[in-house]
């Protein structure tokens, strides 16, 4: 039985330039099914898209780049989820998480101001 492999990762230069992406757009760009993206959110702390009140996920370009990095580690480099977590943590993942969370908080506040 053959597992379906997602297509190769697009270059960051070929990514659409938008402020926010919905899960369907991320799915099309990355070649990953939405359920995989939702699962990865539970496994990788730095993959935490904003959620609207309706529950709709809003991903930033940085989220998209993080997803592509995880995809490369898992699909191209053959890491397990545990191995990919360790690899990412070794690159300063914990410090980056706090920076990302602070940035997301600021974005939430800006969105509320714009409403």
Protein backbone atom coordinates (compact mmCIF):
# COMPACT_ATOMS: atom_id res chain seq x y z
CA UNK A 1 0.00 0.00 0.00
CA UNK A 2 1.41 3.38 -1.00
CA UNK A 3 0.93 6.51 1.06
CA UNK A 4 0.14 9.63 -0.91
CA UNK A 5 3.02 12.08 -0.63
CA UNK A 6 2.23 15.81 -0.73
CA UNK A 7 3.83 17.72 -3.60
CA UNK A 8 7.21 19.37 -3.15
CA UNK A 9 7.38 22.47 -0.99
CA UNK A 10 7.00 25.75 -2.88
CA UNK A 11 9.79 28.29 -2.62
CA UNK A 12 9.12 31.16 -0.18
CA UNK A 13 9.49 33.51 -3.15
CA UNK A 14 6.51 31.85 -4.87
CA UNK A 15 4.13 32.14 -1.91
CA UNK A 16 1.13 34.46 -2.26
CA UNK A 17 1.69 37.74 -0.44
CA UNK A 18 -1.28 38.17 1.89
CA UNK A 19 -1.82 39.26 5.46
CA UNK A 20 -3.91 36.22 6.42
CA UNK A 21 -4.69 32.84 4.86
CA UNK A 22 -7.55 30.47 5.60
CA UNK A 23 -6.97 26.76 6.16
CA UNK A 24 -8.18 25.88 2.64
CA UNK A 25 -5.65 28.25 1.10
CA UNK A 26 -2.86 26.82 3.27
CA UNK A 27 -3.96 23.34 2.25
CA UNK A 28 -3.76 24.20 -1.46
CA UNK A 29 -0.39 25.94 -1.14
CA UNK A 30 1.25 23.19 0.92
CA UNK A 31 -0.47 20.16 -0.59
CA UNK A 32 -1.50 19.04 2.90
CA UNK A 33 -5.02 18.07 3.91
CA UNK A 34 -6.72 20.37 6.46
CA UNK A 35 -6.95 17.56 9.01
CA UNK A 36 -3.15 17.23 8.92
CA UNK A 37 -2.75 20.96 9.53
CA UNK A 38 -5.16 20.78 12.47
CA UNK A 39 -3.29 17.78 13.89
CA UNK A 40 0.07 19.51 13.57
CA UNK A 41 -1.35 22.39 15.64
CA UNK A 42 -1.66 19.93 18.53
CA UNK A 43 1.89 18.62 18.07
CA UNK A 44 3.94 21.72 17.25
CA UNK A 45 3.58 24.66 19.67
CA UNK A 46 4.70 27.22 17.09
CA UNK A 47 1.82 26.28 14.77
CA UNK A 48 -1.01 28.17 16.43
CA UNK A 49 -3.04 30.18 13.93
CA UNK A 50 -5.36 32.89 15.15
CA UNK A 51 -8.98 31.82 15.42
CA UNK A 52 -11.90 34.13 14.78
CA UNK A 53 -14.94 34.02 17.03
CA UNK A 54 -16.52 31.72 14.45
CA UNK A 55 -13.61 29.28 14.85
CA UNK A 56 -12.16 30.06 11.39
CA UNK A 57 -8.37 29.72 11.45
CA UNK A 58 -6.35 32.66 10.16
CA UNK A 59 -2.75 31.84 9.32
CA UNK A 60 -0.02 34.44 8.80
CA UNK A 61 2.82 34.17 6.31
CA UNK A 62 5.08 33.17 9.22
CA UNK A 63 2.62 30.36 10.09
CA UNK A 64 2.78 29.25 6.45
CA UNK A 65 6.59 29.26 6.50
CA UNK A 66 6.57 27.24 9.75
CA UNK A 67 4.19 24.69 8.20
CA UNK A 68 6.47 24.35 5.17
CA UNK A 69 9.45 23.85 7.49
CA UNK A 70 7.64 21.09 9.40
CA UNK A 71 6.56 19.49 6.13
CA UNK A 72 10.15 19.41 4.90
CA UNK A 73 11.37 17.83 8.13
CA UNK A 74 8.66 15.15 8.08
CA UNK A 75 8.27 14.36 4.38
CA UNK A 76 11.60 15.23 2.78
CA UNK A 77 14.06 14.63 5.61
CA UNK A 78 12.20 11.65 7.11
CA UNK A 79 11.98 12.91 10.69
CA UNK A 80 9.35 11.54 13.06
CA UNK A 81 7.09 14.07 14.75
CA UNK A 82 9.16 13.72 17.93
CA UNK A 83 12.38 14.17 15.97
CA UNK A 84 11.03 17.22 14.14
CA UNK A 85 10.01 18.77 17.47
CA UNK A 86 13.52 18.25 18.84
CA UNK A 87 15.10 19.67 15.69
CA UNK A 88 12.91 22.77 15.83
CA UNK A 89 13.48 23.20 19.56
CA UNK A 90 17.21 23.04 18.92
CA UNK A 91 16.85 26.08 16.67
CA UNK A 92 15.55 28.22 19.51
CA UNK A 93 11.97 27.00 19.27
CA UNK A 94 11.05 27.91 22.83
CA UNK A 95 12.26 31.50 22.54
CA UNK A 96 10.57 31.83 19.17
CA UNK A 97 7.30 30.57 20.68
CA UNK A 98 7.19 33.42 23.18
CA UNK A 99 7.95 35.97 20.45
CA UNK A 100 5.24 34.49 18.23
CA UNK A 101 2.70 34.53 21.05
CA UNK A 102 3.47 38.17 21.83
CA UNK A 103 3.10 39.09 18.15
CA UNK A 104 -0.21 37.23 17.91
CA UNK A 105 -1.47 39.09 20.98
CA UNK A 106 -0.59 42.41 19.35
CA UNK A 107 -2.32 41.36 16.13
CA UNK A 108 -5.46 40.39 18.08
CA UNK A 109 -5.48 43.80 19.72
CA UNK A 110 -5.06 45.54 16.36
CA UNK A 111 -7.89 43.52 14.84
CA UNK A 112 -10.16 44.49 17.72
CA UNK A 113 -9.26 48.16 17.21
CA UNK A 114 -10.10 47.94 13.52
CA UNK A 115 -13.55 46.46 14.15
